[in-house]
Amino acid sequence: MIYTTYFAKLKSLSKDIVPISICGKAPIWYSGIQYKKLAPKYDFFMQWKENHDNDYYISCFNNQVLSELNPVQVVNDLIAMAAGRDIALVCYEKPEDFCHRHLVADWLRKYGYNIKEWNKR
């Protein structure tokens, strides 16, 4: 299973789920696995930080990041990194906030993968 979550929730993440950061720069305290192929590019991310134009960000993320990747290869990479265990793709934003992990989740769902936001069981 693939989940999404954010760094503030890592302490509540089940121990059988492997967190994998998908942001450009993880917090200093995070020493886990990182998969930067799914991170936003610095230029459009900084532009978004200035104007919060979500449509611009989505367009850039789709064109510059997701369109360059093969979803099957991405999932295979993640599974290999997690040694076949469940995965949580991690970044900074709360579930209700705009965040690229939601774009990644939608992209993977489009290709038939089951992915959902982590909720403490």
PDB file of N, CA and C in Angstrom:
ATOM      1  N   MET A   1       0.839  -1.180   0.000  1.00  0.00           N
ATOM      2  CA  MET A   1       0.000   0.000   0.000  1.00  0.00           C
ATOM      3  C   MET A   1       0.885   1.244   0.000  1.00  0.00           C
ATOM      4  N   ILE A   2       0.417   2.250  -0.693  1.00  0.00           N
ATOM      5  CA  ILE A   2       1.127   3.528  -0.705  1.00  0.00           C
ATOM      6  C   ILE A   2       0.233   4.567  -0.035  1.00  0.00           C
ATOM      7  N   TYR A   3       0.813   5.274   0.927  1.00  0.00           N
ATOM      8  CA  TYR A   3       0.132   6.359   1.620  1.00  0.00           C
ATOM      9  C   TYR A   3       0.840   7.669   1.307  1.00  0.00           C
ATOM     10  N   THR A   4       0.185   8.763   1.664  1.00  0.00           N
ATOM     11  CA  THR A   4       0.834  10.062   1.699  1.00  0.00           C
ATOM     12  C   THR A   4       0.663  10.605   3.106  1.00  0.00           C
ATOM     13  N   THR A   5       1.604  11.436   3.513  1.00  0.00           N
ATOM     14  CA  THR A   5       1.519  12.069   4.830  1.00  0.00           C
ATOM     15  C   THR A   5       2.457  13.263   4.852  1.00  0.00           C
ATOM     16  N   TYR A   6       2.567  13.895   6.014  1.00  0.00           N
ATOM     17  CA  TYR A   6       3.467  15.029   6.148  1.00  0.00           C
ATOM     18  C   TYR A   6       4.370  14.827   7.365  1.00  0.00           C
ATOM     19  N   PHE A   7       5.480  15.566   7.372  1.00  0.00           N
ATOM     20  CA  PHE A   7       6.524  15.331   8.367  1.00  0.00           C
ATOM     21  C   PHE A   7       6.015  15.395   9.806  1.00  0.00           C
ATOM     22  N   ALA A   8       5.095  16.296  10.105  1.00  0.00           N
ATOM     23  CA  ALA A   8       4.587  16.434  11.472  1.00  0.00           C
ATOM     24  C   ALA A   8       3.847  15.182  11.943  1.00  0.00           C
ATOM     25  N   LYS A   9       3.433  14.315  11.021  1.00  0.00           N
ATOM     26  CA  LYS A   9       2.705  13.089  11.372  1.00  0.00           C
ATOM     27  C   LYS A   9       3.596  11.849  11.455  1.00  0.00           C
ATOM     28  N   LEU A  10       4.863  11.997  11.200  1.00  0.00           N
ATOM     29  CA  LEU A  10       5.726  10.811  11.141  1.00  0.00           C
ATOM     30  C   LEU A  10       5.745  10.020  12.443  1.00  0.00           C
ATOM     31  N   LYS A  11       5.643  10.695  13.570  1.00  0.00           N
ATOM     32  CA  LYS A  11       5.675   9.982  14.853  1.00  0.00           C
ATOM     33  C   LYS A  11       4.469   9.064  15.016  1.00  0.00           C
ATOM     34  N   SER A  12       3.364   9.386  14.359  1.00  0.00           N
ATOM     35  CA  SER A  12       2.172   8.536  14.464  1.00  0.00           C
ATOM     36  C   SER A  12       2.109   7.482  13.366  1.00  0.00           C
ATOM     37  N   LEU A  13       3.066   7.519  12.448  1.00  0.00           N
ATOM     38  CA  LEU A  13       3.087   6.556  11.346  1.00  0.00           C
ATOM     39  C   LEU A  13       3.387   5.163  11.889  1.00  0.00           C
ATOM     40  N   SER A  14       2.614   4.206  11.430  1.00  0.00           N
ATOM     41  CA  SER A  14       2.823   2.814  11.834  1.00  0.00           C
ATOM     42  C   SER A  14       4.260   2.399  11.525  1.00  0.00           C
ATOM     43  N   LYS A  15       4.855   1.633  12.423  1.00  0.00           N
ATOM     44  CA  LYS A  15       6.259   1.205  12.260  1.00  0.00           C
ATOM     45  C   LYS A  15       6.471   0.295  11.051  1.00  0.00           C
ATOM     46  N   ASP A  16       5.391  -0.297  10.529  1.00  0.00           N
ATOM     47  CA  ASP A  16       5.538  -1.169   9.361  1.00  0.00           C
ATOM     48  C   ASP A  16       5.419  -0.404   8.042  1.00  0.00           C
ATOM     49  N   ILE A  17       5.318   0.921   8.113  1.00  0.00           N
ATOM     50  CA  ILE A  17       5.260   1.765   6.918  1.00  0.00           C
ATOM     51  C   ILE A  17       6.561   2.542   6.800  1.00  0.00           C
ATOM     52  N   VAL A  18       7.155   2.496   5.627  1.00  0.00           N
ATOM     53  CA  VAL A  18       8.432   3.170   5.387  1.00  0.00           C
ATOM     54  C   VAL A  18       8.167   4.575   4.841  1.00  0.00           C
ATOM     55  N   PRO A  19       8.589   5.616   5.579  1.00  0.00           N
ATOM     56  CA  PRO A  19       8.431   6.980   5.048  1.00  0.00           C
ATOM     57  C   PRO A  19       9.487   7.261   3.983  1.00  0.00           C
ATOM     58  N   ILE A  20       9.051   7.915   2.913  1.00  0.00           N
ATOM     59  CA  ILE A  20       9.973   8.320   1.846  1.00  0.00           C
ATOM     60  C   ILE A  20       9.670   9.775   1.513  1.00  0.00           C
ATOM     61  N   SER A  21      10.629  10.643   1.776  1.00  0.00           N
ATOM     62  CA  SER A  21      10.470  12.067   1.481  1.00  0.00           C
ATOM     63  C   SER A  21      10.461  12.279  -0.034  1.00  0.00           C
ATOM     64  N   ILE A  22       9.519  13.106  -0.492  1.00  0.00           N
ATOM     65  CA  ILE A  22       9.456  13.429  -1.923  1.00  0.00           C
ATOM     66  C   ILE A  22       9.593  14.937  -2.139  1.00  0.00           C
ATOM     67  N   CYS A  23      10.210  15.615  -1.181  1.00  0.00           N
ATOM     68  CA  CYS A  23      10.391  17.056  -1.335  1.00  0.00           C
ATOM     69  C   CYS A  23      11.841  17.362  -1.721  1.00  0.00           C
ATOM     70  N   GLY A  24      12.043  18.579  -2.174  1.00  0.00           N
ATOM     71  CA  GLY A  24      13.384  18.985  -2.583  1.00  0.00           C
ATOM     72  C   GLY A  24      14.360  19.014  -1.434  1.00  0.00           C
ATOM     73  N   LYS A  25      13.882  19.439  -0.276  1.00  0.00           N
ATOM     74  CA  LYS A  25      14.737  19.517   0.897  1.00  0.00           C
ATOM     75  C   LYS A  25      13.949  19.067   2.115  1.00  0.00           C
ATOM     76  N   ALA A  26      14.346  17.948   2.657  1.00  0.00           N
ATOM     77  CA  ALA A  26      13.696  17.412   3.857  1.00  0.00           C
ATOM     78  C   ALA A  26      14.193  18.187   5.077  1.00  0.00           C
ATOM     79  N   PRO A  27      13.448  18.134   6.180  1.00  0.00           N
ATOM     80  CA  PRO A  27      13.921  18.799   7.396  1.00  0.00           C
ATOM     81  C   PRO A  27      15.270  18.235   7.841  1.00  0.00           C
ATOM     82  N   ILE A  28      16.037  19.038   8.508  1.00  0.00           N
ATOM     83  CA  ILE A  28      17.375  18.631   8.969  1.00  0.00           C
ATOM     84  C   ILE A  28      17.317  17.374   9.828  1.00  0.00           C
ATOM     85  N   TRP A  29      16.292  17.236  10.627  1.00  0.00           N
ATOM     86  CA  TRP A  29      16.186  16.094  11.545  1.00  0.00           C
ATOM     87  C   TRP A  29      15.802  14.796  10.840  1.00  0.00           C
ATOM     88  N   TYR A  30      15.290  14.890   9.603  1.00  0.00           N
ATOM     89  CA  TYR A  30      14.847  13.693   8.883  1.00  0.00           C
ATOM     90  C   TYR A  30      16.055  12.986   8.274  1.00  0.00           C
ATOM     91  N   SER A  31      16.236  11.736   8.652  1.00  0.00           N
ATOM     92  CA  SER A  31      17.377  10.976   8.132  1.00  0.00           C
ATOM     93  C   SER A  31      16.928   9.765   7.317  1.00  0.00           C
ATOM     94  N   GLY A  32      15.656   9.760   6.924  1.00  0.00           N
ATOM     95  CA  GLY A  32      15.105   8.629   6.195  1.00  0.00           C
ATOM     96  C   GLY A  32      15.381   8.683   4.702  1.00  0.00           C
ATOM     97  N   ILE A  33      14.687   7.830   3.995  1.00  0.00           N
ATOM     98  CA  ILE A  33      14.828   7.686   2.547  1.00  0.00           C
ATOM     99  C   ILE A  33      14.253   8.915   1.848  1.00  0.00           C
ATOM    100  N   GLN A  34      14.901   9.309   0.746  1.00  0.00           N
ATOM    101  CA  GLN A  34      14.410  10.417  -0.066  1.00  0.00           C
ATOM    102  C   GLN A  34      14.319   9.970  -1.522  1.00  0.00           C
ATOM    103  N   TYR A  35      13.263  10.423  -2.184  1.00  0.00           N
ATOM    104  CA  TYR A  35      13.067  10.143  -3.610  1.00  0.00           C
ATOM    105  C   TYR A  35      12.790  11.477  -4.291  1.00  0.00           C
ATOM    106  N   LYS A  36      13.861  12.142  -4.674  1.00  0.00           N
ATOM    107  CA  LYS A  36      13.765  13.508  -5.180  1.00  0.00           C
ATOM    108  C   LYS A  36      13.227  13.603  -6.607  1.00  0.00           C
ATOM    109  N   LYS A  37      13.079  12.472  -7.284  1.00  0.00           N
ATOM    110  CA  LYS A  37      12.490  12.515  -8.628  1.00  0.00           C
ATOM    111  C   LYS A  37      11.066  13.057  -8.581  1.00  0.00           C
ATOM    112  N   LEU A  38      10.392  12.925  -7.439  1.00  0.00           N
ATOM    113  CA  LEU A  38       9.015  13.428  -7.299  1.00  0.00           C
ATOM    114  C   LEU A  38       8.953  14.809  -6.648  1.00  0.00           C
ATOM    115  N   ALA A  39      10.089  15.432  -6.441  1.00  0.00           N
ATOM    116  CA  ALA A  39      10.129  16.764  -5.824  1.00  0.00           C
ATOM    117  C   ALA A  39       9.846  17.847  -6.872  1.00  0.00           C
ATOM    118  N   PRO A  40       9.230  18.937  -6.437  1.00  0.00           N
ATOM    119  CA  PRO A  40       9.052  20.064  -7.361  1.00  0.00           C
ATOM    120  C   PRO A  40      10.406  20.674  -7.715  1.00  0.00           C
ATOM    121  N   LYS A  41      10.478  21.272  -8.885  1.00  0.00           N
ATOM    122  CA  LYS A  41      11.704  21.962  -9.302  1.00  0.00           C
ATOM    123  C   LYS A  41      11.794  23.298  -8.552  1.00  0.00           C
ATOM    124  N   TYR A  42      12.994  23.671  -8.215  1.00  0.00           N
ATOM    125  CA  TYR A  42      13.240  24.854  -7.400  1.00  0.00           C
ATOM    126  C   TYR A  42      12.614  26.113  -8.005  1.00  0.00           C
ATOM    127  N   ASP A  43      12.817  26.347  -9.306  1.00  0.00           N
ATOM    128  CA  ASP A  43      12.367  27.597  -9.929  1.00  0.00           C
ATOM    129  C   ASP A  43      10.862  27.795  -9.811  1.00  0.00           C
ATOM    130  N   PHE A  44      10.083  26.813 -10.210  1.00  0.00           N
ATOM    131  CA  PHE A  44       8.636  27.032 -10.149  1.00  0.00           C
ATOM    132  C   PHE A  44       8.120  26.973  -8.719  1.00  0.00           C
ATOM    133  N   PHE A  45       8.811  26.233  -7.849  1.00  0.00           N
ATOM    134  CA  PHE A  45       8.414  26.214  -6.449  1.00  0.00           C
ATOM    135  C   PHE A  45       8.598  27.600  -5.822  1.00  0.00           C
ATOM    136  N   MET A  46       9.735  28.241  -6.088  1.00  0.00           N
ATOM    137  CA  MET A  46       9.986  29.577  -5.540  1.00  0.00           C
ATOM    138  C   MET A  46       9.009  30.601  -6.121  1.00  0.00           C
ATOM    139  N   GLN A  47       8.678  30.465  -7.389  1.00  0.00           N
ATOM    140  CA  GLN A  47       7.683  31.351  -7.999  1.00  0.00           C
ATOM    141  C   GLN A  47       6.339  31.180  -7.301  1.00  0.00           C
ATOM    142  N   TRP A  48       5.957  29.943  -7.034  1.00  0.00           N
ATOM    143  CA  TRP A  48       4.696  29.665  -6.347  1.00  0.00           C
ATOM    144  C   TRP A  48       4.711  30.245  -4.935  1.00  0.00           C
ATOM    145  N   LYS A  49       5.852  30.170  -4.244  1.00  0.00           N
ATOM    146  CA  LYS A  49       5.957  30.723  -2.891  1.00  0.00           C
ATOM    147  C   LYS A  49       5.658  32.225  -2.895  1.00  0.00           C
ATOM    148  N   GLU A  50       5.978  32.887  -4.002  1.00  0.00           N
ATOM    149  CA  GLU A  50       5.724  34.324  -4.112  1.00  0.00           C
ATOM    150  C   GLU A  50       4.274  34.633  -4.454  1.00  0.00           C
ATOM    151  N   ASN A  51       3.682  33.869  -5.391  1.00  0.00           N
ATOM    152  CA  ASN A  51       2.353  34.244  -5.885  1.00  0.00           C
ATOM    153  C   ASN A  51       1.232  33.275  -5.515  1.00  0.00           C
ATOM    154  N   HIS A  52       1.566  32.107  -5.016  1.00  0.00           N
ATOM    155  CA  HIS A  52       0.579  31.072  -4.647  1.00  0.00           C
ATOM    156  C   HIS A  52      -0.431  30.786  -5.766  1.00  0.00           C
ATOM    157  N   ASP A  53       0.069  30.811  -6.990  1.00  0.00           N
ATOM    158  CA  ASP A  53      -0.753  30.490  -8.165  1.00  0.00           C
ATOM    159  C   ASP A  53      -0.742  28.970  -8.345  1.00  0.00           C
ATOM    160  N   ASN A  54      -1.753  28.323  -7.781  1.00  0.00           N
ATOM    161  CA  ASN A  54      -1.801  26.862  -7.816  1.00  0.00           C
ATOM    162  C   ASN A  54      -1.882  26.308  -9.231  1.00  0.00           C
ATOM    163  N   ASP A  55      -2.608  26.984 -10.120  1.00  0.00           N
ATOM    164  CA  ASP A  55      -2.713  26.514 -11.506  1.00  0.00           C
ATOM    165  C   ASP A  55      -1.339  26.509 -12.184  1.00  0.00           C
ATOM    166  N   TYR A  56      -0.561  27.562 -11.956  1.00  0.00           N
ATOM    167  CA  TYR A  56       0.800  27.642 -12.489  1.00  0.00           C
ATOM    168  C   TYR A  56       1.638  26.481 -11.955  1.00  0.00           C
ATOM    169  N   TYR A  57       1.568  26.262 -10.649  1.00  0.00           N
ATOM    170  CA  TYR A  57       2.333  25.196 -10.005  1.00  0.00           C
ATOM    171  C   TYR A  57       1.952  23.834 -10.577  1.00  0.00           C
ATOM    172  N   ILE A  58       0.656  23.576 -10.676  1.00  0.00           N
ATOM    173  CA  ILE A  58       0.177  22.292 -11.199  1.00  0.00           C
ATOM    174  C   ILE A  58       0.686  22.072 -12.617  1.00  0.00           C
ATOM    175  N   SER A  59       0.580  23.104 -13.441  1.00  0.00           N
ATOM    176  CA  SER A  59       1.053  22.998 -14.821  1.00  0.00           C
ATOM    177  C   SER A  59       2.552  22.698 -14.861  1.00  0.00           C
ATOM    178  N   CYS A  60       3.325  23.432 -14.087  1.00  0.00           N
ATOM    179  CA  CYS A  60       4.778  23.215 -14.058  1.00  0.00           C
ATOM    180  C   CYS A  60       5.110  21.830 -13.514  1.00  0.00           C
ATOM    181  N   PHE A  61       4.444  21.436 -12.445  1.00  0.00           N
ATOM    182  CA  PHE A  61       4.736  20.135 -11.845  1.00  0.00           C
ATOM    183  C   PHE A  61       4.414  19.006 -12.821  1.00  0.00           C
ATOM    184  N   ASN A  62       3.273  19.104 -13.473  1.00  0.00           N
ATOM    185  CA  ASN A  62       2.908  18.080 -14.457  1.00  0.00           C
ATOM    186  C   ASN A  62       3.886  18.046 -15.622  1.00  0.00           C
ATOM    187  N   ASN A  63       4.249  19.225 -16.146  1.00  0.00           N
ATOM    188  CA  ASN A  63       5.109  19.297 -17.332  1.00  0.00           C
ATOM    189  C   ASN A  63       6.580  19.028 -17.054  1.00  0.00           C
ATOM    190  N   GLN A  64       7.072  19.477 -15.914  1.00  0.00           N
ATOM    191  CA  GLN A  64       8.502  19.384 -15.630  1.00  0.00           C
ATOM    192  C   GLN A  64       8.883  18.183 -14.771  1.00  0.00           C
ATOM    193  N   VAL A  65       7.921  17.630 -14.061  1.00  0.00           N
ATOM    194  CA  VAL A  65       8.238  16.512 -13.167  1.00  0.00           C
ATOM    195  C   VAL A  65       7.521  15.240 -13.621  1.00  0.00           C
ATOM    196  N   LEU A  66       6.208  15.217 -13.498  1.00  0.00           N
ATOM    197  CA  LEU A  66       5.469  13.975 -13.746  1.00  0.00           C
ATOM    198  C   LEU A  66       5.561  13.494 -15.186  1.00  0.00           C
ATOM    199  N   SER A  67       5.534  14.401 -16.147  1.00  0.00           N
ATOM    200  CA  SER A  67       5.585  13.975 -17.556  1.00  0.00           C
ATOM    201  C   SER A  67       6.925  13.345 -17.915  1.00  0.00           C
ATOM    202  N   GLU A  68       7.939  13.585 -17.090  1.00  0.00           N
ATOM    203  CA  GLU A  68       9.271  13.026 -17.332  1.00  0.00           C
ATOM    204  C   GLU A  68       9.450  11.641 -16.696  1.00  0.00           C
ATOM    205  N   LEU A  69       8.438  11.200 -15.955  1.00  0.00           N
ATOM    206  CA  LEU A  69       8.561   9.955 -15.206  1.00  0.00           C
ATOM    207  C   LEU A  69       7.604   8.885 -15.715  1.00  0.00           C
ATOM    208  N   ASN A  70       7.996   7.645 -15.521  1.00  0.00           N
ATOM    209  CA  ASN A  70       7.151   6.504 -15.821  1.00  0.00           C
ATOM    210  C   ASN A  70       6.572   6.026 -14.479  1.00  0.00           C
ATOM    211  N   PRO A  71       5.245   6.051 -14.318  1.00  0.00           N
ATOM    212  CA  PRO A  71       4.662   5.694 -13.016  1.00  0.00           C
ATOM    213  C   PRO A  71       5.000   4.275 -12.563  1.00  0.00           C
ATOM    214  N   VAL A  72       5.090   3.346 -13.489  1.00  0.00           N
ATOM    215  CA  VAL A  72       5.444   1.973 -13.126  1.00  0.00           C
ATOM    216  C   VAL A  72       6.866   1.937 -12.562  1.00  0.00           C
ATOM    217  N   GLN A  73       7.787   2.640 -13.207  1.00  0.00           N
ATOM    218  CA  GLN A  73       9.168   2.685 -12.724  1.00  0.00           C
ATOM    219  C   GLN A  73       9.249   3.376 -11.376  1.00  0.00           C
ATOM    220  N   VAL A  74       8.495   4.462 -11.212  1.00  0.00           N
ATOM    221  CA  VAL A  74       8.487   5.177  -9.932  1.00  0.00           C
ATOM    222  C   VAL A  74       8.027   4.243  -8.816  1.00  0.00           C
ATOM    223  N   VAL A  75       6.916   3.550  -9.017  1.00  0.00           N
ATOM    224  CA  VAL A  75       6.407   2.634  -7.988  1.00  0.00           C
ATOM    225  C   VAL A  75       7.394   1.503  -7.740  1.00  0.00           C
ATOM    226  N   ASN A  76       7.989   0.975  -8.790  1.00  0.00           N
ATOM    227  CA  ASN A  76       9.005  -0.076  -8.614  1.00  0.00           C
ATOM    228  C   ASN A  76      10.202   0.437  -7.810  1.00  0.00           C
ATOM    229  N   ASP A  77      10.641   1.670  -8.093  1.00  0.00           N
ATOM    230  CA  ASP A  77      11.736   2.278  -7.331  1.00  0.00           C
ATOM    231  C   ASP A  77      11.365   2.388  -5.855  1.00  0.00           C
ATOM    232  N   LEU A  78      10.158   2.891  -5.595  1.00  0.00           N
ATOM    233  CA  LEU A  78       9.709   3.087  -4.212  1.00  0.00           C
ATOM    234  C   LEU A  78       9.607   1.758  -3.465  1.00  0.00           C
ATOM    235  N   ILE A  79       9.054   0.757  -4.136  1.00  0.00           N
ATOM    236  CA  ILE A  79       8.931  -0.577  -3.524  1.00  0.00           C
ATOM    237  C   ILE A  79      10.311  -1.138  -3.199  1.00  0.00           C
ATOM    238  N   ALA A  80      11.250  -0.966  -4.114  1.00  0.00           N
ATOM    239  CA  ALA A  80      12.615  -1.446  -3.875  1.00  0.00           C
ATOM    240  C   ALA A  80      13.256  -0.701  -2.705  1.00  0.00           C
ATOM    241  N   MET A  81      13.057   0.607  -2.642  1.00  0.00           N
ATOM    242  CA  MET A  81      13.624   1.411  -1.557  1.00  0.00           C
ATOM    243  C   MET A  81      13.043   0.993  -0.205  1.00  0.00           C
ATOM    244  N   ALA A  82      11.779   0.598  -0.206  1.00  0.00           N
ATOM    245  CA  ALA A  82      11.096   0.202   1.034  1.00  0.00           C
ATOM    246  C   ALA A  82      11.191  -1.299   1.284  1.00  0.00           C
ATOM    247  N   ALA A  83      11.940  -1.998   0.461  1.00  0.00           N
ATOM    248  CA  ALA A  83      12.114  -3.450   0.585  1.00  0.00           C
ATOM    249  C   ALA A  83      10.769  -4.173   0.616  1.00  0.00           C
ATOM    250  N   GLY A  84       9.844  -3.713  -0.235  1.00  0.00           N
ATOM    251  CA  GLY A  84       8.549  -4.380  -0.373  1.00  0.00           C
ATOM    252  C   GLY A  84       7.528  -4.058   0.698  1.00  0.00           C
ATOM    253  N   ARG A  85       7.885  -3.219   1.664  1.00  0.00           N
ATOM    254  CA  ARG A  85       6.945  -2.850   2.727  1.00  0.00           C
ATOM    255  C   ARG A  85       6.033  -1.711   2.264  1.00  0.00           C
ATOM    256  N   ASP A  86       4.989  -1.423   3.031  1.00  0.00           N
ATOM    257  CA  ASP A  86       4.124  -0.288   2.726  1.00  0.00           C
ATOM    258  C   ASP A  86       4.941   1.003   2.788  1.00  0.00           C
ATOM    259  N   ILE A  87       4.464   2.002   2.054  1.00  0.00           N
ATOM    260  CA  ILE A  87       5.211   3.244   1.852  1.00  0.00           C
ATOM    261  C   ILE A  87       4.327   4.423   2.234  1.00  0.00           C
ATOM    262  N   ALA A  88       4.951   5.461   2.771  1.00  0.00           N
ATOM    263  CA  ALA A  88       4.286   6.753   2.955  1.00  0.00           C
ATOM    264  C   ALA A  88       5.137   7.815   2.271  1.00  0.00           C
ATOM    265  N   LEU A  89       4.581   8.459   1.252  1.00  0.00           N
ATOM    266  CA  LEU A  89       5.260   9.560   0.578  1.00  0.00           C
ATOM    267  C   LEU A  89       5.067  10.800   1.441  1.00  0.00           C
ATOM    268  N   VAL A  90       6.163  11.449   1.804  1.00  0.00           N
ATOM    269  CA  VAL A  90       6.127  12.487   2.823  1.00  0.00           C
ATOM    270  C   VAL A  90       6.596  13.833   2.284  1.00  0.00           C
ATOM    271  N   CYS A  91       5.871  14.893   2.670  1.00  0.00           N
ATOM    272  CA  CYS A  91       6.346  16.259   2.474  1.00  0.00           C
ATOM    273  C   CYS A  91       5.821  17.110   3.625  1.00  0.00           C
ATOM    274  N   TYR A  92       5.650  18.400   3.441  1.00  0.00           N
ATOM    275  CA  TYR A  92       5.424  19.310   4.555  1.00  0.00           C
ATOM    276  C   TYR A  92       3.973  19.666   4.867  1.00  0.00           C
ATOM    277  N   GLU A  93       3.139  19.749   3.875  1.00  0.00           N
ATOM    278  CA  GLU A  93       1.822  20.365   4.051  1.00  0.00           C
ATOM    279  C   GLU A  93       0.801  19.441   4.700  1.00  0.00           C
ATOM    280  N   LYS A  94      -0.121  20.040   5.458  1.00  0.00           N
ATOM    281  CA  LYS A  94      -1.226  19.291   6.054  1.00  0.00           C
ATOM    282  C   LYS A  94      -2.140  18.771   4.936  1.00  0.00           C
ATOM    283  N   PRO A  95      -2.924  17.743   5.209  1.00  0.00           N
ATOM    284  CA  PRO A  95      -3.761  17.137   4.160  1.00  0.00           C
ATOM    285  C   PRO A  95      -4.710  18.109   3.462  1.00  0.00           C
ATOM    286  N   GLU A  96      -5.205  19.098   4.180  1.00  0.00           N
ATOM    287  CA  GLU A  96      -6.160  20.026   3.576  1.00  0.00           C
ATOM    288  C   GLU A  96      -5.487  21.162   2.801  1.00  0.00           C
ATOM    289  N   ASP A  97      -4.170  21.259   2.874  1.00  0.00           N
ATOM    290  CA  ASP A  97      -3.439  22.320   2.188  1.00  0.00           C
ATOM    291  C   ASP A  97      -2.975  21.867   0.803  1.00  0.00           C
ATOM    292  N   PHE A  98      -2.781  22.835  -0.071  1.00  0.00           N
ATOM    293  CA  PHE A  98      -2.239  22.551  -1.397  1.00  0.00           C
ATOM    294  C   PHE A  98      -0.845  21.956  -1.242  1.00  0.00           C
ATOM    295  N   CYS A  99      -0.612  20.855  -1.924  1.00  0.00           N
ATOM    296  CA  CYS A  99       0.671  20.163  -1.783  1.00  0.00           C
ATOM    297  C   CYS A  99       0.916  19.258  -2.994  1.00  0.00           C
ATOM    298  N   HIS A 100       2.167  19.160  -3.392  1.00  0.00           N
ATOM    299  CA  HIS A 100       2.490  18.334  -4.553  1.00  0.00           C
ATOM    300  C   HIS A 100       2.260  16.854  -4.288  1.00  0.00           C
ATOM    301  N   ARG A 101       2.248  16.420  -3.030  1.00  0.00           N
ATOM    302  CA  ARG A 101       2.013  14.985  -2.787  1.00  0.00           C
ATOM    303  C   ARG A 101       0.614  14.598  -3.236  1.00  0.00           C
ATOM    304  N   HIS A 102      -0.336  15.544  -3.197  1.00  0.00           N
ATOM    305  CA  HIS A 102      -1.687  15.267  -3.695  1.00  0.00           C
ATOM    306  C   HIS A 102      -1.671  15.111  -5.215  1.00  0.00           C
ATOM    307  N   LEU A 103      -0.830  15.881  -5.875  1.00  0.00           N
ATOM    308  CA  LEU A 103      -0.685  15.755  -7.329  1.00  0.00           C
ATOM    309  C   LEU A 103      -0.058  14.403  -7.677  1.00  0.00           C
ATOM    310  N   VAL A 104       0.926  14.003  -6.902  1.00  0.00           N
ATOM    311  CA  VAL A 104       1.566  12.692  -7.108  1.00  0.00           C
ATOM    312  C   VAL A 104       0.548  11.583  -6.881  1.00  0.00           C
ATOM    313  N   ALA A 105      -0.226  11.692  -5.813  1.00  0.00           N
ATOM    314  CA  ALA A 105      -1.236  10.670  -5.507  1.00  0.00           C
ATOM    315  C   ALA A 105      -2.258  10.569  -6.641  1.00  0.00           C
ATOM    316  N   ASP A 106      -2.747  11.708  -7.120  1.00  0.00           N
ATOM    317  CA  ASP A 106      -3.711  11.699  -8.231  1.00  0.00           C
ATOM    318  C   ASP A 106      -3.101  11.069  -9.479  1.00  0.00           C
ATOM    319  N   TRP A 107      -1.852  11.390  -9.753  1.00  0.00           N
ATOM    320  CA  TRP A 107      -1.140  10.848 -10.911  1.00  0.00           C
ATOM    321  C   TRP A 107      -1.035   9.327 -10.804  1.00  0.00           C
ATOM    322  N   LEU A 108      -0.663   8.830  -9.639  1.00  0.00           N
ATOM    323  CA  LEU A 108      -0.537   7.381  -9.459  1.00  0.00           C
ATOM    324  C   LEU A 108      -1.901   6.691  -9.526  1.00  0.00           C
ATOM    325  N   ARG A 109      -2.928   7.326  -8.962  1.00  0.00           N
ATOM    326  CA  ARG A 109      -4.286   6.750  -9.057  1.00  0.00           C
ATOM    327  C   ARG A 109      -4.730   6.631 -10.510  1.00  0.00           C
ATOM    328  N   LYS A 110      -4.365   7.617 -11.306  1.00  0.00           N
ATOM    329  CA  LYS A 110      -4.727   7.604 -12.729  1.00  0.00           C
ATOM    330  C   LYS A 110      -4.182   6.358 -13.427  1.00  0.00           C
ATOM    331  N   TYR A 111      -3.090   5.827 -12.903  1.00  0.00           N
ATOM    332  CA  TYR A 111      -2.477   4.627 -13.480  1.00  0.00           C
ATOM    333  C   TYR A 111      -2.842   3.367 -12.702  1.00  0.00           C
ATOM    334  N   GLY A 112      -3.853   3.471 -11.851  1.00  0.00           N
ATOM    335  CA  GLY A 112      -4.403   2.293 -11.195  1.00  0.00           C
ATOM    336  C   GLY A 112      -3.819   1.939  -9.840  1.00  0.00           C
ATOM    337  N   TYR A 113      -2.962   2.790  -9.299  1.00  0.00           N
ATOM    338  CA  TYR A 113      -2.376   2.499  -7.998  1.00  0.00           C
ATOM    339  C   TYR A 113      -3.301   2.975  -6.880  1.00  0.00           C
ATOM    340  N   ASN A 114      -3.366   2.179  -5.828  1.00  0.00           N
ATOM    341  CA  ASN A 114      -4.165   2.516  -4.653  1.00  0.00           C
ATOM    342  C   ASN A 114      -3.298   3.348  -3.715  1.00  0.00           C
ATOM    343  N   ILE A 115      -3.658   4.590  -3.523  1.00  0.00           N
ATOM    344  CA  ILE A 115      -2.870   5.494  -2.691  1.00  0.00           C
ATOM    345  C   ILE A 115      -3.825   6.385  -1.919  1.00  0.00           C
ATOM    346  N   LYS A 116      -3.559   6.541  -0.618  1.00  0.00           N
ATOM    347  CA  LYS A 116      -4.442   7.384   0.183  1.00  0.00           C
ATOM    348  C   LYS A 116      -3.649   8.055   1.287  1.00  0.00           C
ATOM    349  N   GLU A 117      -4.220   9.126   1.835  1.00  0.00           N
ATOM    350  CA  GLU A 117      -3.595   9.856   2.945  1.00  0.00           C
ATOM    351  C   GLU A 117      -3.603   8.968   4.188  1.00  0.00           C
ATOM    352  N   TRP A 118      -2.484   8.962   4.903  1.00  0.00           N
ATOM    353  CA  TRP A 118      -2.365   8.161   6.131  1.00  0.00           C
ATOM    354  C   TRP A 118      -3.279   8.746   7.207  1.00  0.00           C
ATOM    355  N   ASN A 119      -4.040   7.870   7.829  1.00  0.00           N
ATOM    356  CA  ASN A 119      -4.811   8.204   9.006  1.00  0.00           C
ATOM    357  C   ASN A 119      -4.448   7.208  10.074  1.00  0.00           C
ATOM    358  N   LYS A 120      -4.114   7.702  11.243  1.00  0.00           N
ATOM    359  CA  LYS A 120      -3.750   6.804  12.337  1.00  0.00           C
ATOM    360  C   LYS A 120      -4.883   5.817  12.581  1.00  0.00           C
ATOM    361  N   ARG A 121      -4.538   4.545  12.591  1.00  0.00           N
ATOM    362  CA  ARG A 121      -5.535   3.502  12.747  1.00  0.00           C
ATOM    363  C   ARG A 121      -5.949   3.326  14.190  1.00  0.00           C
TER     364      ARG A 121
END
